Every structure is written in structure tokens, then in C-alpha cells.
Amino acid sequence: MKKLTLKAGCLLLFALGSSCAMAGDSGSPAGFGPRLGAEVGFDLANLNGPDVNDAVGSRLGFVAGAFLNLPLGPGLAFQPEFLYEQKGGKFNGNPYQTDYAEVPVLLDVSLVGPLDILLGPSFDANVAYQGPGSVNPTDVGLVLGAQLSFSRFILNGRYEFGLTDVENNQSIQNGTFTFMAGLSFI
């Protein structure tokens, strides 16, 4: 049921974004029309939560994917993304290495010049796992970050606060700082 809900939500958001793009260029936060591009970078992931003690380590991971930036009005755009992201960390000496196919559904709000704020939910599906116990197949998180947009080039940094436990029997969530550079093709 969770997979069906995730797929239906993604399909609905894509359809909404497509209809906004077809309605014409109403001006994006950086003054551009709709943009489609690729982005790549790295992340620094940790494990958070009440069951996490001081013996926790971080995981340096890779992230890559695509973004679609659709103007909604002056200073506002809808930015869904599809990413492959490595998360996890160490807990009680055991490595938790979780890789996700991730769909952040972000609002891109213009601040000043090329500086934008990114915020919204992220829906993640686990595609690889190494660690003790069993991992939850999905994760939901909240994303807050900033983005610099220069014509076809973007730079962004964000933090994703995981809302779902990594395992069913532990109150441990993902916490991830992500830094990416991207290039739009259109």
C-alpha cells in the first residue's frame, strides 16, 4: 500500500508540474523558464534519534540525479527531483549503509538575486542496505536548503531530516547534509 501511495503521489506531482509548464513561462525565481537538468554531489549522513548514543559515526556518500524546475509565479517554482543517495552511519560500532532512490518534492522560493530557498518533503525507497537487522523499505524526510541559480548552472546545499525509523525495532532516523552542483539542459 505504501508503494502504491508513493507512486500515485509522484505521478500526481509530475502531472501538476507538466500542466504548469504547458501553461507558459510565468517566471521562475531566478527569472528563467522551465528547466530540466542533472545534478551530482556528495553528502554527509548521520543517524539521529532517541536510541542513538554518543558512539555514532558519519557516512560520506555520493548523490546524483535529475531535477525539473517549473515556474509557478514570480519568485516561486516547483522543483521535483529524482536522486540516488547514499545514507547511513555507524551505530554501536555497526555500519548502517543505506542507499535510496529518492524523490524530493521541493518548493523553490526566491530570496535575493540568485539565492533561493528549497523546502519540502522527500520520499525515499531503499535500494541497498548493509548492516545489522533489517531496514525499512521506505523513508520520508523533510528538506530545507538553499540554492544558487546562475543561468543554466545551479549549486545547492540542504539538510534532510528523516521522519521514518531506519529499522522497525530501533528509534533511529537518517539525517543528511547534501551538497550538489547541477546543469540544466533546457
N, C-alpha and C. Protein backbone atom coordinates (compact mmCIF):
# COMPACT_ATOMS: atom_id res chain seq x y z
N MET A 1 0.81 -1.19 0.00
CA MET A 1 0.00 0.00 0.00
C MET A 1 0.86 1.26 0.00
N LYS A 2 1.99 1.25 0.78
CA LYS A 2 2.88 2.40 0.82
C LYS A 2 3.48 2.68 -0.55
N LYS A 3 3.87 1.61 -1.27
CA LYS A 3 4.46 1.79 -2.60
C LYS A 3 3.45 2.39 -3.56
N LEU A 4 2.20 1.93 -3.48
CA LEU A 4 1.15 2.44 -4.35
C LEU A 4 0.89 3.92 -4.06
N THR A 5 0.85 4.30 -2.79
CA THR A 5 0.64 5.69 -2.41
C THR A 5 1.79 6.56 -2.88
N LEU A 6 3.04 6.09 -2.72
CA LEU A 6 4.21 6.83 -3.16
C LEU A 6 4.18 7.03 -4.67
N LYS A 7 3.87 5.98 -5.43
CA LYS A 7 3.81 6.09 -6.88
C LYS A 7 2.69 7.03 -7.33
N ALA A 8 1.54 6.92 -6.70
CA ALA A 8 0.41 7.79 -7.06
C ALA A 8 0.73 9.25 -6.76
N GLY A 9 1.36 9.51 -5.64
CA GLY A 9 1.74 10.87 -5.28
C GLY A 9 2.74 11.46 -6.25
N CYS A 10 3.73 10.66 -6.63
CA CYS A 10 4.75 11.12 -7.59
C CYS A 10 4.12 11.39 -8.95
N LEU A 11 3.23 10.53 -9.37
CA LEU A 11 2.55 10.70 -10.65
C LEU A 11 1.69 11.96 -10.64
N LEU A 12 0.98 12.21 -9.55
CA LEU A 12 0.15 13.41 -9.42
C LEU A 12 1.00 14.67 -9.47
N LEU A 13 2.13 14.66 -8.75
CA LEU A 13 3.01 15.84 -8.74
C LEU A 13 3.63 16.07 -10.11
N PHE A 14 3.99 15.01 -10.82
CA PHE A 14 4.54 15.15 -12.17
C PHE A 14 3.49 15.73 -13.11
N ALA A 15 2.25 15.26 -13.00
CA ALA A 15 1.18 15.78 -13.85
C ALA A 15 0.92 17.25 -13.55
N LEU A 16 0.93 17.64 -12.28
CA LEU A 16 0.75 19.04 -11.90
C LEU A 16 1.87 19.89 -12.48
N GLY A 17 3.09 19.42 -12.35
CA GLY A 17 4.24 20.16 -12.88
C GLY A 17 4.19 20.28 -14.39
N SER A 18 3.79 19.22 -15.09
CA SER A 18 3.68 19.26 -16.54
C SER A 18 2.63 20.25 -16.99
N SER A 19 1.50 20.30 -16.30
CA SER A 19 0.45 21.24 -16.68
C SER A 19 0.89 22.68 -16.43
N CYS A 20 1.66 22.92 -15.37
CA CYS A 20 2.18 24.27 -15.11
C CYS A 20 3.16 24.68 -16.20
N ALA A 21 4.01 23.75 -16.65
CA ALA A 21 4.98 24.04 -17.69
C ALA A 21 4.28 24.34 -19.01
N MET A 22 3.20 23.62 -19.31
CA MET A 22 2.47 23.83 -20.56
C MET A 22 1.68 25.13 -20.54
N ALA A 23 1.38 25.63 -19.36
CA ALA A 23 0.61 26.87 -19.25
C ALA A 23 1.43 28.09 -19.66
N GLY A 24 2.73 27.94 -19.79
CA GLY A 24 3.58 29.04 -20.23
C GLY A 24 4.56 29.45 -19.17
N ASP A 25 5.51 30.27 -19.57
CA ASP A 25 6.57 30.71 -18.67
C ASP A 25 6.08 31.90 -17.86
N SER A 26 5.80 31.68 -16.62
CA SER A 26 5.34 32.77 -15.76
C SER A 26 6.47 33.38 -14.96
N GLY A 27 7.70 32.92 -15.21
CA GLY A 27 8.86 33.47 -14.50
C GLY A 27 9.20 32.65 -13.28
N SER A 28 10.40 32.10 -13.27
CA SER A 28 10.85 31.31 -12.12
C SER A 28 11.58 32.21 -11.15
N PRO A 29 11.98 31.70 -9.99
CA PRO A 29 12.65 32.54 -9.02
C PRO A 29 13.88 33.25 -9.59
N ALA A 30 14.63 32.59 -10.44
CA ALA A 30 15.84 33.21 -10.99
C ALA A 30 15.56 33.91 -12.31
N GLY A 31 14.31 33.96 -12.75
CA GLY A 31 13.96 34.64 -13.97
C GLY A 31 14.06 33.77 -15.22
N PHE A 32 14.10 32.48 -15.07
CA PHE A 32 14.21 31.57 -16.19
C PHE A 32 12.88 30.86 -16.41
N GLY A 33 12.76 30.19 -17.55
CA GLY A 33 11.58 29.37 -17.80
C GLY A 33 11.80 28.00 -17.18
N PRO A 34 10.98 27.03 -17.57
CA PRO A 34 11.16 25.67 -17.04
C PRO A 34 12.56 25.15 -17.34
N ARG A 35 13.13 24.43 -16.39
CA ARG A 35 14.47 23.88 -16.55
C ARG A 35 14.46 22.39 -16.21
N LEU A 36 15.18 21.62 -17.00
CA LEU A 36 15.38 20.19 -16.77
C LEU A 36 16.87 19.97 -16.80
N GLY A 37 17.40 19.27 -15.78
CA GLY A 37 18.84 19.09 -15.74
C GLY A 37 19.28 17.95 -14.86
N ALA A 38 20.60 17.82 -14.74
CA ALA A 38 21.22 16.78 -13.93
C ALA A 38 22.03 17.44 -12.83
N GLU A 39 22.18 16.73 -11.72
CA GLU A 39 22.97 17.24 -10.60
C GLU A 39 23.74 16.10 -9.96
N VAL A 40 24.89 16.45 -9.40
CA VAL A 40 25.76 15.45 -8.77
C VAL A 40 26.47 16.11 -7.59
N GLY A 41 26.80 15.29 -6.59
CA GLY A 41 27.49 15.84 -5.43
C GLY A 41 27.79 14.78 -4.39
N PHE A 42 27.90 15.23 -3.15
CA PHE A 42 28.21 14.34 -2.04
C PHE A 42 27.32 14.69 -0.86
N ASP A 43 27.25 13.74 0.08
CA ASP A 43 26.50 14.00 1.30
C ASP A 43 27.26 13.50 2.51
N LEU A 44 26.92 14.04 3.64
CA LEU A 44 27.45 13.60 4.93
C LEU A 44 26.25 13.18 5.75
N ALA A 45 26.11 11.87 5.95
CA ALA A 45 24.93 11.31 6.60
C ALA A 45 25.25 10.88 8.03
N ASN A 46 24.27 11.01 8.89
CA ASN A 46 24.35 10.60 10.29
C ASN A 46 23.07 9.87 10.66
N LEU A 47 23.10 9.22 11.80
CA LEU A 47 21.91 8.60 12.36
C LEU A 47 21.49 9.42 13.57
N ASN A 48 20.21 9.72 13.68
CA ASN A 48 19.67 10.53 14.77
C ASN A 48 18.54 9.78 15.46
N GLY A 49 18.16 10.23 16.65
CA GLY A 49 17.01 9.67 17.33
C GLY A 49 17.30 9.33 18.77
N PRO A 50 16.24 8.99 19.53
CA PRO A 50 16.39 8.70 20.95
C PRO A 50 17.24 7.46 21.24
N ASP A 51 17.29 6.50 20.31
CA ASP A 51 18.07 5.28 20.56
C ASP A 51 19.54 5.44 20.17
N VAL A 52 19.92 6.60 19.67
CA VAL A 52 21.31 6.84 19.26
C VAL A 52 22.06 7.39 20.46
N ASN A 53 23.22 6.79 20.72
CA ASN A 53 24.07 7.29 21.82
C ASN A 53 25.24 8.06 21.23
N ASP A 54 26.26 8.31 22.01
CA ASP A 54 27.41 9.09 21.56
C ASP A 54 28.33 8.32 20.63
N ALA A 55 28.19 7.01 20.54
CA ALA A 55 29.08 6.19 19.72
C ALA A 55 28.53 6.06 18.30
N VAL A 56 28.37 7.20 17.64
CA VAL A 56 27.80 7.21 16.29
C VAL A 56 28.82 7.82 15.35
N GLY A 57 28.93 7.26 14.14
CA GLY A 57 29.82 7.80 13.13
C GLY A 57 29.04 8.24 11.91
N SER A 58 29.67 9.02 11.07
CA SER A 58 29.05 9.53 9.86
C SER A 58 29.43 8.68 8.66
N ARG A 59 28.68 8.86 7.57
CA ARG A 59 29.00 8.21 6.30
C ARG A 59 29.10 9.30 5.23
N LEU A 60 30.21 9.33 4.53
CA LEU A 60 30.38 10.21 3.39
C LEU A 60 29.87 9.45 2.18
N GLY A 61 28.89 10.02 1.47
CA GLY A 61 28.26 9.30 0.37
C GLY A 61 28.18 10.10 -0.90
N PHE A 62 27.72 9.46 -1.92
CA PHE A 62 27.57 10.00 -3.26
C PHE A 62 26.09 10.25 -3.54
N VAL A 63 25.79 11.31 -4.27
CA VAL A 63 24.41 11.58 -4.67
C VAL A 63 24.42 12.11 -6.10
N ALA A 64 23.47 11.64 -6.90
CA ALA A 64 23.34 12.09 -8.29
C ALA A 64 21.91 11.90 -8.74
N GLY A 65 21.51 12.71 -9.73
CA GLY A 65 20.16 12.55 -10.24
C GLY A 65 19.77 13.65 -11.19
N ALA A 66 18.46 13.89 -11.27
CA ALA A 66 17.90 14.87 -12.19
C ALA A 66 16.91 15.76 -11.46
N PHE A 67 16.72 16.97 -12.01
CA PHE A 67 15.74 17.90 -11.44
C PHE A 67 14.92 18.52 -12.56
N LEU A 68 13.72 18.96 -12.18
CA LEU A 68 12.83 19.67 -13.07
C LEU A 68 12.35 20.89 -12.29
N ASN A 69 12.64 22.10 -12.79
CA ASN A 69 12.25 23.32 -12.11
C ASN A 69 11.17 24.00 -12.94
N LEU A 70 9.96 24.07 -12.39
CA LEU A 70 8.80 24.61 -13.11
C LEU A 70 8.29 25.87 -12.43
N PRO A 71 8.32 27.02 -13.13
CA PRO A 71 7.84 28.26 -12.54
C PRO A 71 6.35 28.20 -12.21
N LEU A 72 5.99 28.71 -11.03
CA LEU A 72 4.59 28.79 -10.62
C LEU A 72 4.11 30.24 -10.60
N GLY A 73 5.02 31.17 -10.56
CA GLY A 73 4.70 32.59 -10.49
C GLY A 73 5.96 33.35 -10.15
N PRO A 74 5.88 34.67 -10.03
CA PRO A 74 7.07 35.45 -9.68
C PRO A 74 7.64 35.00 -8.33
N GLY A 75 8.90 34.62 -8.35
CA GLY A 75 9.58 34.24 -7.11
C GLY A 75 9.25 32.87 -6.56
N LEU A 76 8.54 32.04 -7.33
CA LEU A 76 8.13 30.73 -6.82
C LEU A 76 8.19 29.68 -7.93
N ALA A 77 8.76 28.52 -7.62
CA ALA A 77 8.83 27.42 -8.58
C ALA A 77 8.65 26.10 -7.85
N PHE A 78 8.23 25.10 -8.60
CA PHE A 78 8.06 23.72 -8.13
C PHE A 78 9.26 22.94 -8.67
N GLN A 79 9.99 22.25 -7.78
CA GLN A 79 11.19 21.54 -8.20
C GLN A 79 11.20 20.09 -7.72
N PRO A 80 10.58 19.18 -8.48
CA PRO A 80 10.72 17.75 -8.14
C PRO A 80 12.08 17.26 -8.63
N GLU A 81 12.62 16.28 -7.92
CA GLU A 81 13.92 15.70 -8.28
C GLU A 81 13.84 14.18 -8.18
N PHE A 82 14.74 13.52 -8.88
CA PHE A 82 14.91 12.09 -8.72
C PHE A 82 16.39 11.87 -8.47
N LEU A 83 16.73 11.31 -7.28
CA LEU A 83 18.12 11.18 -6.87
C LEU A 83 18.44 9.76 -6.43
N TYR A 84 19.70 9.38 -6.60
CA TYR A 84 20.26 8.19 -5.96
C TYR A 84 21.16 8.72 -4.86
N GLU A 85 20.89 8.35 -3.59
CA GLU A 85 21.64 8.93 -2.49
C GLU A 85 22.06 7.86 -1.49
N GLN A 86 23.33 7.95 -1.07
CA GLN A 86 23.87 7.03 -0.07
C GLN A 86 23.77 7.69 1.30
N LYS A 87 23.15 6.98 2.24
CA LYS A 87 22.98 7.50 3.60
C LYS A 87 23.46 6.45 4.59
N GLY A 88 23.30 6.77 5.88
CA GLY A 88 23.65 5.81 6.92
C GLY A 88 24.60 6.41 7.93
N GLY A 89 25.44 5.56 8.49
CA GLY A 89 26.39 5.96 9.52
C GLY A 89 26.82 4.74 10.30
N LYS A 90 27.33 4.94 11.49
CA LYS A 90 27.69 3.84 12.38
C LYS A 90 26.92 4.00 13.67
N PHE A 91 26.47 2.86 14.19
CA PHE A 91 25.74 2.85 15.45
C PHE A 91 26.21 1.66 16.25
N ASN A 92 26.73 1.91 17.46
CA ASN A 92 27.30 0.86 18.31
C ASN A 92 28.36 0.05 17.58
N GLY A 93 29.16 0.72 16.76
CA GLY A 93 30.23 0.06 16.03
C GLY A 93 29.80 -0.66 14.76
N ASN A 94 28.50 -0.74 14.51
CA ASN A 94 27.99 -1.42 13.31
C ASN A 94 27.70 -0.41 12.21
N PRO A 95 28.19 -0.69 10.97
CA PRO A 95 27.88 0.23 9.88
C PRO A 95 26.44 0.05 9.39
N TYR A 96 25.75 1.15 9.22
CA TYR A 96 24.44 1.17 8.57
C TYR A 96 24.66 1.91 7.25
N GLN A 97 24.66 1.18 6.16
CA GLN A 97 24.84 1.80 4.85
C GLN A 97 23.56 1.58 4.06
N THR A 98 22.79 2.65 3.93
CA THR A 98 21.50 2.58 3.25
C THR A 98 21.56 3.46 2.01
N ASP A 99 21.24 2.89 0.87
CA ASP A 99 21.18 3.64 -0.39
C ASP A 99 19.72 3.75 -0.80
N TYR A 100 19.34 4.94 -1.27
CA TYR A 100 17.94 5.21 -1.58
C TYR A 100 17.76 5.77 -2.99
N ALA A 101 16.65 5.42 -3.60
CA ALA A 101 16.11 6.15 -4.75
C ALA A 101 15.18 7.16 -4.11
N GLU A 102 15.47 8.43 -4.32
CA GLU A 102 14.83 9.49 -3.55
C GLU A 102 14.09 10.45 -4.48
N VAL A 103 12.89 10.88 -4.05
CA VAL A 103 12.10 11.85 -4.81
C VAL A 103 11.77 13.03 -3.89
N PRO A 104 12.67 14.06 -3.87
CA PRO A 104 12.32 15.28 -3.16
C PRO A 104 11.31 16.09 -3.97
N VAL A 105 10.29 16.61 -3.32
CA VAL A 105 9.25 17.42 -3.97
C VAL A 105 9.36 18.79 -3.30
N LEU A 106 10.09 19.69 -3.96
CA LEU A 106 10.51 20.93 -3.32
C LEU A 106 9.83 22.17 -3.88
N LEU A 107 9.68 23.14 -3.03
CA LEU A 107 9.26 24.47 -3.42
C LEU A 107 10.53 25.31 -3.47
N ASP A 108 10.73 26.04 -4.56
CA ASP A 108 11.90 26.88 -4.78
C ASP A 108 11.42 28.33 -4.65
N VAL A 109 11.80 28.98 -3.54
CA VAL A 109 11.34 30.33 -3.24
C VAL A 109 12.50 31.30 -3.38
N SER A 110 12.33 32.31 -4.24
CA SER A 110 13.37 33.30 -4.49
C SER A 110 13.54 34.21 -3.29
N LEU A 111 14.82 34.49 -2.93
CA LEU A 111 15.10 35.43 -1.84
C LEU A 111 15.66 36.73 -2.42
N VAL A 112 16.94 36.70 -2.77
CA VAL A 112 17.62 37.88 -3.30
C VAL A 112 18.54 37.44 -4.42
N GLY A 113 18.43 38.09 -5.58
CA GLY A 113 19.31 37.75 -6.71
C GLY A 113 19.23 36.28 -7.05
N PRO A 114 20.39 35.61 -7.11
CA PRO A 114 20.39 34.19 -7.48
C PRO A 114 20.10 33.23 -6.32
N LEU A 115 19.87 33.75 -5.12
CA LEU A 115 19.69 32.92 -3.92
C LEU A 115 18.23 32.52 -3.74
N ASP A 116 17.99 31.22 -3.66
CA ASP A 116 16.66 30.65 -3.44
C ASP A 116 16.67 29.76 -2.20
N ILE A 117 15.51 29.57 -1.61
CA ILE A 117 15.31 28.61 -0.52
C ILE A 117 14.59 27.41 -1.10
N LEU A 118 15.02 26.21 -0.72
CA LEU A 118 14.37 24.95 -1.11
C LEU A 118 13.74 24.34 0.13
N LEU A 119 12.48 23.93 0.03
CA LEU A 119 11.85 23.24 1.16
C LEU A 119 10.74 22.33 0.67
N GLY A 120 10.58 21.22 1.37
CA GLY A 120 9.52 20.27 1.04
C GLY A 120 9.85 18.87 1.52
N PRO A 121 8.95 17.93 1.24
CA PRO A 121 9.15 16.55 1.66
C PRO A 121 10.03 15.78 0.67
N SER A 122 10.55 14.67 1.15
CA SER A 122 11.31 13.75 0.31
C SER A 122 10.80 12.34 0.58
N PHE A 123 10.54 11.61 -0.50
CA PHE A 123 10.05 10.24 -0.40
C PHE A 123 11.14 9.32 -0.92
N ASP A 124 11.59 8.38 -0.08
CA ASP A 124 12.75 7.55 -0.40
C ASP A 124 12.39 6.07 -0.38
N ALA A 125 12.94 5.33 -1.34
CA ALA A 125 12.78 3.87 -1.39
C ALA A 125 14.16 3.25 -1.26
N ASN A 126 14.33 2.35 -0.30
CA ASN A 126 15.62 1.71 -0.08
C ASN A 126 15.94 0.77 -1.24
N VAL A 127 17.15 0.90 -1.80
CA VAL A 127 17.57 0.04 -2.90
C VAL A 127 18.76 -0.84 -2.53
N ALA A 128 19.48 -0.49 -1.46
CA ALA A 128 20.60 -1.31 -0.99
C ALA A 128 20.80 -1.06 0.50
N TYR A 129 21.19 -2.12 1.22
CA TYR A 129 21.38 -1.99 2.65
C TYR A 129 22.46 -2.94 3.12
N GLN A 130 23.34 -2.41 3.99
CA GLN A 130 24.34 -3.23 4.66
C GLN A 130 24.36 -2.83 6.12
N GLY A 131 24.09 -3.78 6.99
CA GLY A 131 24.07 -3.50 8.42
C GLY A 131 23.33 -4.59 9.17
N PRO A 132 23.33 -4.48 10.49
CA PRO A 132 22.61 -5.47 11.29
C PRO A 132 21.10 -5.26 11.18
N GLY A 133 20.36 -6.30 11.41
CA GLY A 133 18.90 -6.19 11.38
C GLY A 133 18.36 -6.01 9.97
N SER A 134 17.14 -5.55 9.91
CA SER A 134 16.51 -5.33 8.60
C SER A 134 16.10 -3.87 8.51
N VAL A 135 16.20 -3.32 7.31
CA VAL A 135 15.91 -1.91 7.09
C VAL A 135 14.47 -1.73 6.61
N ASN A 136 13.85 -0.61 6.98
CA ASN A 136 12.54 -0.28 6.44
C ASN A 136 12.67 0.00 4.95
N PRO A 137 11.73 -0.44 4.13
CA PRO A 137 11.85 -0.27 2.69
C PRO A 137 11.64 1.17 2.22
N THR A 138 11.06 2.03 3.05
CA THR A 138 10.82 3.41 2.65
C THR A 138 11.24 4.36 3.77
N ASP A 139 11.45 5.60 3.38
CA ASP A 139 11.78 6.66 4.33
C ASP A 139 11.11 7.93 3.83
N VAL A 140 10.69 8.75 4.75
CA VAL A 140 10.12 10.05 4.42
C VAL A 140 10.92 11.07 5.21
N GLY A 141 11.27 12.18 4.57
CA GLY A 141 12.04 13.21 5.24
C GLY A 141 11.55 14.60 4.89
N LEU A 142 12.04 15.58 5.64
CA LEU A 142 11.78 16.98 5.37
C LEU A 142 13.09 17.63 4.93
N VAL A 143 13.05 18.39 3.84
CA VAL A 143 14.24 19.01 3.27
C VAL A 143 14.15 20.52 3.44
N LEU A 144 15.27 21.12 3.86
CA LEU A 144 15.41 22.57 3.92
C LEU A 144 16.80 22.91 3.44
N GLY A 145 16.88 23.83 2.47
CA GLY A 145 18.19 24.17 1.93
C GLY A 145 18.18 25.47 1.17
N ALA A 146 19.32 25.76 0.54
CA ALA A 146 19.49 26.97 -0.26
C ALA A 146 20.06 26.58 -1.61
N GLN A 147 19.74 27.39 -2.61
CA GLN A 147 20.21 27.12 -3.97
C GLN A 147 20.63 28.42 -4.63
N LEU A 148 21.76 28.39 -5.33
CA LEU A 148 22.21 29.50 -6.15
C LEU A 148 21.98 29.12 -7.60
N SER A 149 21.27 29.97 -8.35
CA SER A 149 20.96 29.69 -9.76
C SER A 149 21.63 30.73 -10.64
N PHE A 150 22.51 30.27 -11.53
CA PHE A 150 23.20 31.12 -12.48
C PHE A 150 22.93 30.59 -13.87
N SER A 151 21.98 31.20 -14.57
CA SER A 151 21.61 30.77 -15.92
C SER A 151 21.33 29.27 -15.92
N ARG A 152 22.21 28.48 -16.52
CA ARG A 152 21.99 27.03 -16.61
C ARG A 152 22.67 26.25 -15.48
N PHE A 153 23.43 26.92 -14.64
CA PHE A 153 24.21 26.26 -13.60
C PHE A 153 23.60 26.51 -12.23
N ILE A 154 23.51 25.46 -11.38
CA ILE A 154 23.00 25.61 -10.01
C ILE A 154 23.97 25.00 -9.01
N LEU A 155 23.97 25.54 -7.82
CA LEU A 155 24.68 24.99 -6.66
C LEU A 155 23.67 24.95 -5.53
N ASN A 156 23.60 23.83 -4.82
CA ASN A 156 22.70 23.80 -3.67
C ASN A 156 23.26 22.99 -2.52
N GLY A 157 22.81 23.35 -1.34
CA GLY A 157 23.12 22.65 -0.11
C GLY A 157 21.84 22.53 0.68
N ARG A 158 21.67 21.38 1.33
CA ARG A 158 20.41 21.14 2.05
C ARG A 158 20.63 20.15 3.18
N TYR A 159 19.67 20.14 4.09
CA TYR A 159 19.63 19.14 5.15
C TYR A 159 18.31 18.41 5.05
N GLU A 160 18.37 17.08 5.10
CA GLU A 160 17.16 16.27 5.13
C GLU A 160 17.05 15.61 6.50
N PHE A 161 15.95 15.90 7.17
CA PHE A 161 15.65 15.33 8.48
C PHE A 161 14.71 14.15 8.28
N GLY A 162 15.21 12.92 8.51
CA GLY A 162 14.40 11.72 8.33
C GLY A 162 13.30 11.62 9.37
N LEU A 163 12.10 11.25 8.93
CA LEU A 163 10.96 11.11 9.83
C LEU A 163 10.62 9.65 10.12
N THR A 164 11.15 8.74 9.32
CA THR A 164 10.86 7.31 9.45
C THR A 164 12.05 6.60 10.08
N ASP A 165 11.79 5.64 10.96
CA ASP A 165 12.87 4.86 11.56
C ASP A 165 13.58 4.02 10.50
N VAL A 166 14.91 3.94 10.60
CA VAL A 166 15.69 3.13 9.67
C VAL A 166 15.33 1.66 9.83
N GLU A 167 15.14 1.24 11.09
CA GLU A 167 14.73 -0.14 11.40
C GLU A 167 13.41 -0.10 12.18
N ASN A 168 12.66 -1.19 12.10
CA ASN A 168 11.40 -1.27 12.83
C ASN A 168 11.58 -1.29 14.34
N ASN A 169 12.65 -1.92 14.83
CA ASN A 169 12.81 -2.11 16.27
C ASN A 169 13.76 -1.09 16.92
N GLN A 170 14.17 -0.05 16.19
CA GLN A 170 15.06 0.98 16.73
C GLN A 170 14.50 2.35 16.37
N SER A 171 14.56 3.29 17.29
CA SER A 171 14.13 4.66 17.00
C SER A 171 15.33 5.45 16.51
N ILE A 172 15.71 5.18 15.26
CA ILE A 172 16.87 5.79 14.62
C ILE A 172 16.43 6.31 13.25
N GLN A 173 16.72 7.60 12.97
CA GLN A 173 16.36 8.19 11.70
C GLN A 173 17.60 8.72 10.98
N ASN A 174 17.48 8.88 9.66
CA ASN A 174 18.55 9.47 8.86
C ASN A 174 18.56 10.98 9.06
N GLY A 175 19.75 11.55 9.02
CA GLY A 175 19.96 12.99 8.99
C GLY A 175 21.08 13.24 7.99
N THR A 176 20.81 14.00 6.93
CA THR A 176 21.76 14.08 5.83
C THR A 176 21.98 15.50 5.35
N PHE A 177 23.26 15.94 5.34
CA PHE A 177 23.67 17.17 4.69
C PHE A 177 24.08 16.81 3.27
N THR A 178 23.51 17.48 2.27
CA THR A 178 23.79 17.18 0.86
C THR A 178 24.25 18.45 0.15
N PHE A 179 25.28 18.30 -0.69
CA PHE A 179 25.82 19.41 -1.48
C PHE A 179 25.93 18.96 -2.92
N MET A 180 25.30 19.72 -3.86
CA MET A 180 25.29 19.31 -5.27
C MET A 180 25.53 20.50 -6.19
N ALA A 181 26.03 20.18 -7.37
CA ALA A 181 26.13 21.13 -8.48
C ALA A 181 25.33 20.54 -9.62
N GLY A 182 24.66 21.39 -10.38
CA GLY A 182 23.82 20.89 -11.46
C GLY A 182 23.90 21.78 -12.69
N LEU A 183 23.44 21.22 -13.79
CA LEU A 183 23.44 21.91 -15.07
C LEU A 183 22.11 21.60 -15.75
N SER A 184 21.39 22.66 -16.18
CA SER A 184 20.12 22.42 -16.87
C SER A 184 20.36 22.30 -18.36
N PHE A 185 19.63 21.37 -18.99
CA PHE A 185 19.76 21.13 -20.42
C PHE A 185 18.77 21.98 -21.20
N ILE A 186 17.63 22.29 -20.58
CA ILE A 186 16.64 23.17 -21.21
C ILE A 186 16.25 24.25 -20.22
